[in-house]
Amino acid sequence: MKIDEIRGFTPDQLAEQLVSLKKEQFNLRFQKATGQVEKTHRVDEVRKNIARIKTVLRTKQAQA
């Protein structure tokens, strides 16, 4: 997910995306611990997307 894409979302959509990514992160961590994860790079991608969404949410809240 690119930052321009994230900036286009509303705060409600960002919150939904954040919840979704956190669930995916939990599942990936669980799979990694049990040795079942296939795409190891996805763990880092999800973590970075969570950080991007949190950053955009903070900037939107600061502007309001």
PDB file of N, CA and C in Angstrom:
ATOM      1  N   MET A   1       0.849  -1.172   0.000  1.00  0.00           N
ATOM      2  CA  MET A   1       0.000   0.000   0.000  1.00  0.00           C
ATOM      3  C   MET A   1       0.897   1.238   0.000  1.00  0.00           C
ATOM      4  N   LYS A   2       0.606   2.155  -0.894  1.00  0.00           N
ATOM      5  CA  LYS A   2       1.423   3.356  -0.999  1.00  0.00           C
ATOM      6  C   LYS A   2       0.822   4.483  -0.157  1.00  0.00           C
ATOM      7  N   ILE A   3       1.674   5.421   0.213  1.00  0.00           N
ATOM      8  CA  ILE A   3       1.257   6.507   1.098  1.00  0.00           C
ATOM      9  C   ILE A   3       0.198   7.387   0.436  1.00  0.00           C
ATOM     10  N   ASP A   4       0.278   7.610  -0.864  1.00  0.00           N
ATOM     11  CA  ASP A   4      -0.731   8.412  -1.556  1.00  0.00           C
ATOM     12  C   ASP A   4      -2.098   7.742  -1.483  1.00  0.00           C
ATOM     13  N   GLU A   5      -2.096   6.433  -1.585  1.00  0.00           N
ATOM     14  CA  GLU A   5      -3.322   5.651  -1.474  1.00  0.00           C
ATOM     15  C   GLU A   5      -3.934   5.813  -0.080  1.00  0.00           C
ATOM     16  N   ILE A   6      -3.085   5.760   0.931  1.00  0.00           N
ATOM     17  CA  ILE A   6      -3.535   5.847   2.324  1.00  0.00           C
ATOM     18  C   ILE A   6      -4.082   7.229   2.627  1.00  0.00           C
ATOM     19  N   ARG A   7      -3.456   8.265   2.092  1.00  0.00           N
ATOM     20  CA  ARG A   7      -3.907   9.632   2.354  1.00  0.00           C
ATOM     21  C   ARG A   7      -5.292   9.904   1.777  1.00  0.00           C
ATOM     22  N   GLY A   8      -5.695   9.132   0.786  1.00  0.00           N
ATOM     23  CA  GLY A   8      -7.000   9.313   0.165  1.00  0.00           C
ATOM     24  C   GLY A   8      -8.154   8.746   0.975  1.00  0.00           C
ATOM     25  N   PHE A   9      -7.857   7.925   1.969  1.00  0.00           N
ATOM     26  CA  PHE A   9      -8.909   7.315   2.783  1.00  0.00           C
ATOM     27  C   PHE A   9      -9.427   8.284   3.837  1.00  0.00           C
ATOM     28  N   THR A  10     -10.670   8.049   4.261  1.00  0.00           N
ATOM     29  CA  THR A  10     -11.241   8.812   5.373  1.00  0.00           C
ATOM     30  C   THR A  10     -10.714   8.216   6.674  1.00  0.00           C
ATOM     31  N   PRO A  11     -10.818   8.953   7.775  1.00  0.00           N
ATOM     32  CA  PRO A  11     -10.365   8.410   9.064  1.00  0.00           C
ATOM     33  C   PRO A  11     -11.068   7.102   9.447  1.00  0.00           C
ATOM     34  N   ASP A  12     -12.339   6.962   9.102  1.00  0.00           N
ATOM     35  CA  ASP A  12     -13.048   5.718   9.409  1.00  0.00           C
ATOM     36  C   ASP A  12     -12.483   4.550   8.605  1.00  0.00           C
ATOM     37  N   GLN A  13     -12.197   4.807   7.335  1.00  0.00           N
ATOM     38  CA  GLN A  13     -11.613   3.759   6.499  1.00  0.00           C
ATOM     39  C   GLN A  13     -10.219   3.388   6.992  1.00  0.00           C
ATOM     40  N   LEU A  14      -9.470   4.385   7.450  1.00  0.00           N
ATOM     41  CA  LEU A  14      -8.136   4.115   7.978  1.00  0.00           C
ATOM     42  C   LEU A  14      -8.214   3.261   9.231  1.00  0.00           C
ATOM     43  N   ALA A  15      -9.189   3.535  10.081  1.00  0.00           N
ATOM     44  CA  ALA A  15      -9.351   2.742  11.301  1.00  0.00           C
ATOM     45  C   ALA A  15      -9.693   1.290  10.959  1.00  0.00           C
ATOM     46  N   GLU A  16     -10.540   1.098   9.957  1.00  0.00           N
ATOM     47  CA  GLU A  16     -10.892  -0.264   9.531  1.00  0.00           C
ATOM     48  C   GLU A  16      -9.671  -0.990   8.971  1.00  0.00           C
ATOM     49  N   GLN A  17      -8.895  -0.288   8.157  1.00  0.00           N
ATOM     50  CA  GLN A  17      -7.679  -0.874   7.595  1.00  0.00           C
ATOM     51  C   GLN A  17      -6.694  -1.245   8.700  1.00  0.00           C
ATOM     52  N   LEU A  18      -6.601  -0.384   9.707  1.00  0.00           N
ATOM     53  CA  LEU A  18      -5.689  -0.629  10.818  1.00  0.00           C
ATOM     54  C   LEU A  18      -6.071  -1.897  11.573  1.00  0.00           C
ATOM     55  N   VAL A  19      -7.359  -2.061  11.841  1.00  0.00           N
ATOM     56  CA  VAL A  19      -7.829  -3.264  12.528  1.00  0.00           C
ATOM     57  C   VAL A  19      -7.542  -4.503  11.689  1.00  0.00           C
ATOM     58  N   SER A  20      -7.798  -4.406  10.405  1.00  0.00           N
ATOM     59  CA  SER A  20      -7.559  -5.522   9.503  1.00  0.00           C
ATOM     60  C   SER A  20      -6.082  -5.913   9.477  1.00  0.00           C
ATOM     61  N   LEU A  21      -5.209  -4.909   9.393  1.00  0.00           N
ATOM     62  CA  LEU A  21      -3.775  -5.183   9.343  1.00  0.00           C
ATOM     63  C   LEU A  21      -3.255  -5.738  10.665  1.00  0.00           C
ATOM     64  N   LYS A  22      -3.807  -5.274  11.767  1.00  0.00           N
ATOM     65  CA  LYS A  22      -3.381  -5.806  13.064  1.00  0.00           C
ATOM     66  C   LYS A  22      -3.767  -7.274  13.210  1.00  0.00           C
ATOM     67  N   LYS A  23      -4.948  -7.637  12.696  1.00  0.00           N
ATOM     68  CA  LYS A  23      -5.352  -9.044  12.717  1.00  0.00           C
ATOM     69  C   LYS A  23      -4.413  -9.883  11.857  1.00  0.00           C
ATOM     70  N   GLU A  24      -4.086  -9.349  10.677  1.00  0.00           N
ATOM     71  CA  GLU A  24      -3.176 -10.063   9.786  1.00  0.00           C
ATOM     72  C   GLU A  24      -1.796 -10.202  10.422  1.00  0.00           C
ATOM     73  N   GLN A  25      -1.345  -9.149  11.100  1.00  0.00           N
ATOM     74  CA  GLN A  25      -0.054  -9.196  11.767  1.00  0.00           C
ATOM     75  C   GLN A  25      -0.042 -10.273  12.850  1.00  0.00           C
ATOM     76  N   PHE A  26      -1.116 -10.348  13.615  1.00  0.00           N
ATOM     77  CA  PHE A  26      -1.219 -11.371  14.651  1.00  0.00           C
ATOM     78  C   PHE A  26      -1.145 -12.760  14.036  1.00  0.00           C
ATOM     79  N   ASN A  27      -1.900 -12.981  12.971  1.00  0.00           N
ATOM     80  CA  ASN A  27      -1.898 -14.284  12.308  1.00  0.00           C
ATOM     81  C   ASN A  27      -0.522 -14.631  11.747  1.00  0.00           C
ATOM     82  N   LEU A  28       0.142 -13.644  11.169  1.00  0.00           N
ATOM     83  CA  LEU A  28       1.471 -13.889  10.614  1.00  0.00           C
ATOM     84  C   LEU A  28       2.486 -14.210  11.719  1.00  0.00           C
ATOM     85  N   ARG A  29       2.391 -13.506  12.842  1.00  0.00           N
ATOM     86  CA  ARG A  29       3.293 -13.801  13.956  1.00  0.00           C
ATOM     87  C   ARG A  29       3.057 -15.209  14.484  1.00  0.00           C
ATOM     88  N   PHE A  30       1.798 -15.596  14.545  1.00  0.00           N
ATOM     89  CA  PHE A  30       1.460 -16.939  15.003  1.00  0.00           C
ATOM     90  C   PHE A  30       2.012 -17.983  14.031  1.00  0.00           C
ATOM     91  N   GLN A  31       1.848 -17.744  12.731  1.00  0.00           N
ATOM     92  CA  GLN A  31       2.366 -18.666  11.728  1.00  0.00           C
ATOM     93  C   GLN A  31       3.894 -18.738  11.776  1.00  0.00           C
ATOM     94  N   LYS A  32       4.521 -17.606  12.005  1.00  0.00           N
ATOM     95  CA  LYS A  32       5.982 -17.572  12.069  1.00  0.00           C
ATOM     96  C   LYS A  32       6.483 -18.383  13.266  1.00  0.00           C
ATOM     97  N   ALA A  33       5.786 -18.276  14.381  1.00  0.00           N
ATOM     98  CA  ALA A  33       6.193 -19.004  15.581  1.00  0.00           C
ATOM     99  C   ALA A  33       6.052 -20.512  15.395  1.00  0.00           C
ATOM    100  N   THR A  34       5.058 -20.924  14.615  1.00  0.00           N
ATOM    101  CA  THR A  34       4.844 -22.349  14.388  1.00  0.00           C
ATOM    102  C   THR A  34       5.567 -22.852  13.144  1.00  0.00           C
ATOM    103  N   GLY A  35       6.234 -21.939  12.422  1.00  0.00           N
ATOM    104  CA  GLY A  35       7.003 -22.333  11.243  1.00  0.00           C
ATOM    105  C   GLY A  35       6.161 -22.567  10.008  1.00  0.00           C
ATOM    106  N   GLN A  36       4.981 -21.971   9.926  1.00  0.00           N
ATOM    107  CA  GLN A  36       4.082 -22.190   8.800  1.00  0.00           C
ATOM    108  C   GLN A  36       4.022 -21.028   7.824  1.00  0.00           C
ATOM    109  N   VAL A  37       4.705 -19.944   8.126  1.00  0.00           N
ATOM    110  CA  VAL A  37       4.622 -18.762   7.263  1.00  0.00           C
ATOM    111  C   VAL A  37       5.340 -19.040   5.939  1.00  0.00           C
ATOM    112  N   GLU A  38       4.652 -18.714   4.831  1.00  0.00           N
ATOM    113  CA  GLU A  38       5.211 -18.958   3.503  1.00  0.00           C
ATOM    114  C   GLU A  38       5.896 -17.711   2.960  1.00  0.00           C
ATOM    115  N   LYS A  39       5.249 -16.576   3.138  1.00  0.00           N
ATOM    116  CA  LYS A  39       5.797 -15.321   2.620  1.00  0.00           C
ATOM    117  C   LYS A  39       6.362 -14.515   3.793  1.00  0.00           C
ATOM    118  N   THR A  40       7.622 -14.718   4.074  1.00  0.00           N
ATOM    119  CA  THR A  40       8.223 -14.064   5.239  1.00  0.00           C
ATOM    120  C   THR A  40       8.298 -12.549   5.086  1.00  0.00           C
ATOM    121  N   HIS A  41       8.385 -12.051   3.861  1.00  0.00           N
ATOM    122  CA  HIS A  41       8.458 -10.608   3.636  1.00  0.00           C
ATOM    123  C   HIS A  41       7.147  -9.914   3.980  1.00  0.00           C
ATOM    124  N   ARG A  42       6.060 -10.646   4.002  1.00  0.00           N
ATOM    125  CA  ARG A  42       4.750 -10.058   4.290  1.00  0.00           C
ATOM    126  C   ARG A  42       4.695  -9.504   5.710  1.00  0.00           C
ATOM    127  N   VAL A  43       5.438 -10.108   6.636  1.00  0.00           N
ATOM    128  CA  VAL A  43       5.468  -9.638   8.028  1.00  0.00           C
ATOM    129  C   VAL A  43       5.967  -8.190   8.062  1.00  0.00           C
ATOM    130  N   ASP A  44       7.039  -7.911   7.354  1.00  0.00           N
ATOM    131  CA  ASP A  44       7.585  -6.550   7.321  1.00  0.00           C
ATOM    132  C   ASP A  44       6.662  -5.583   6.597  1.00  0.00           C
ATOM    133  N   GLU A  45       6.037  -6.033   5.511  1.00  0.00           N
ATOM    134  CA  GLU A  45       5.120  -5.180   4.764  1.00  0.00           C
ATOM    135  C   GLU A  45       3.948  -4.738   5.627  1.00  0.00           C
ATOM    136  N   VAL A  46       3.386  -5.684   6.364  1.00  0.00           N
ATOM    137  CA  VAL A  46       2.238  -5.370   7.219  1.00  0.00           C
ATOM    138  C   VAL A  46       2.647  -4.387   8.307  1.00  0.00           C
ATOM    139  N   ARG A  47       3.806  -4.607   8.900  1.00  0.00           N
ATOM    140  CA  ARG A  47       4.288  -3.721   9.958  1.00  0.00           C
ATOM    141  C   ARG A  47       4.467  -2.299   9.437  1.00  0.00           C
ATOM    142  N   LYS A  48       5.025  -2.160   8.253  1.00  0.00           N
ATOM    143  CA  LYS A  48       5.238  -0.834   7.667  1.00  0.00           C
ATOM    144  C   LYS A  48       3.923  -0.171   7.275  1.00  0.00           C
ATOM    145  N   ASN A  49       2.966  -0.957   6.790  1.00  0.00           N
ATOM    146  CA  ASN A  49       1.654  -0.397   6.449  1.00  0.00           C
ATOM    147  C   ASN A  49       0.928   0.096   7.692  1.00  0.00           C
ATOM    148  N   ILE A  50       1.060  -0.628   8.796  1.00  0.00           N
ATOM    149  CA  ILE A  50       0.455  -0.183  10.062  1.00  0.00           C
ATOM    150  C   ILE A  50       1.058   1.162  10.462  1.00  0.00           C
ATOM    151  N   ALA A  51       2.367   1.295  10.358  1.00  0.00           N
ATOM    152  CA  ALA A  51       3.036   2.547  10.714  1.00  0.00           C
ATOM    153  C   ALA A  51       2.579   3.686   9.807  1.00  0.00           C
ATOM    154  N   ARG A  52       2.435   3.404   8.512  1.00  0.00           N
ATOM    155  CA  ARG A  52       1.974   4.440   7.581  1.00  0.00           C
ATOM    156  C   ARG A  52       0.578   4.917   7.938  1.00  0.00           C
ATOM    157  N   ILE A  53      -0.314   3.983   8.227  1.00  0.00           N
ATOM    158  CA  ILE A  53      -1.691   4.339   8.561  1.00  0.00           C
ATOM    159  C   ILE A  53      -1.734   5.141   9.853  1.00  0.00           C
ATOM    160  N   LYS A  54      -0.962   4.737  10.851  1.00  0.00           N
ATOM    161  CA  LYS A  54      -0.942   5.483  12.117  1.00  0.00           C
ATOM    162  C   LYS A  54      -0.418   6.900  11.902  1.00  0.00           C
ATOM    163  N   THR A  55       0.567   7.051  11.054  1.00  0.00           N
ATOM    164  CA  THR A  55       1.131   8.376  10.778  1.00  0.00           C
ATOM    165  C   THR A  55       0.086   9.266  10.112  1.00  0.00           C
ATOM    166  N   VAL A  56      -0.602   8.738   9.113  1.00  0.00           N
ATOM    167  CA  VAL A  56      -1.608   9.536   8.417  1.00  0.00           C
ATOM    168  C   VAL A  56      -2.764   9.872   9.360  1.00  0.00           C
ATOM    169  N   LEU A  57      -3.161   8.932  10.204  1.00  0.00           N
ATOM    170  CA  LEU A  57      -4.232   9.218  11.174  1.00  0.00           C
ATOM    171  C   LEU A  57      -3.835  10.338  12.114  1.00  0.00           C
ATOM    172  N   ARG A  58      -2.598  10.322  12.586  1.00  0.00           N
ATOM    173  CA  ARG A  58      -2.127  11.375  13.497  1.00  0.00           C
ATOM    174  C   ARG A  58      -2.100  12.740  12.811  1.00  0.00           C
ATOM    175  N   THR A  59      -1.663  12.774  11.563  1.00  0.00           N
ATOM    176  CA  THR A  59      -1.616  14.062  10.864  1.00  0.00           C
ATOM    177  C   THR A  59      -3.014  14.598  10.596  1.00  0.00           C
ATOM    178  N   LYS A  60      -3.948  13.695  10.265  1.00  0.00           N
ATOM    179  CA  LYS A  60      -5.324  14.138  10.023  1.00  0.00           C
ATOM    180  C   LYS A  60      -5.970  14.638  11.317  1.00  0.00           C
ATOM    181  N   GLN A  61      -5.656  14.002  12.440  1.00  0.00           N
ATOM    182  CA  GLN A  61      -6.211  14.447  13.721  1.00  0.00           C
ATOM    183  C   GLN A  61      -5.607  15.771  14.133  1.00  0.00           C
ATOM    184  N   ALA A  62      -4.348  15.995  13.824  1.00  0.00           N
ATOM    185  CA  ALA A  62      -3.691  17.247  14.174  1.00  0.00           C
ATOM    186  C   ALA A  62      -4.246  18.405  13.353  1.00  0.00           C
ATOM    187  N   GLN A  63      -4.652  18.126  12.112  1.00  0.00           N
ATOM    188  CA  GLN A  63      -5.201  19.177  11.255  1.00  0.00           C
ATOM    189  C   GLN A  63      -6.613  19.541  11.651  1.00  0.00           C
ATOM    190  N   ALA A  64      -7.323  18.631  12.285  1.00  0.00           N
ATOM    191  CA  ALA A  64      -8.727  18.882  12.635  1.00  0.00           C
ATOM    192  C   ALA A  64      -8.859  19.775  13.850  1.00  0.00           C
TER     193      ALA A  64
END
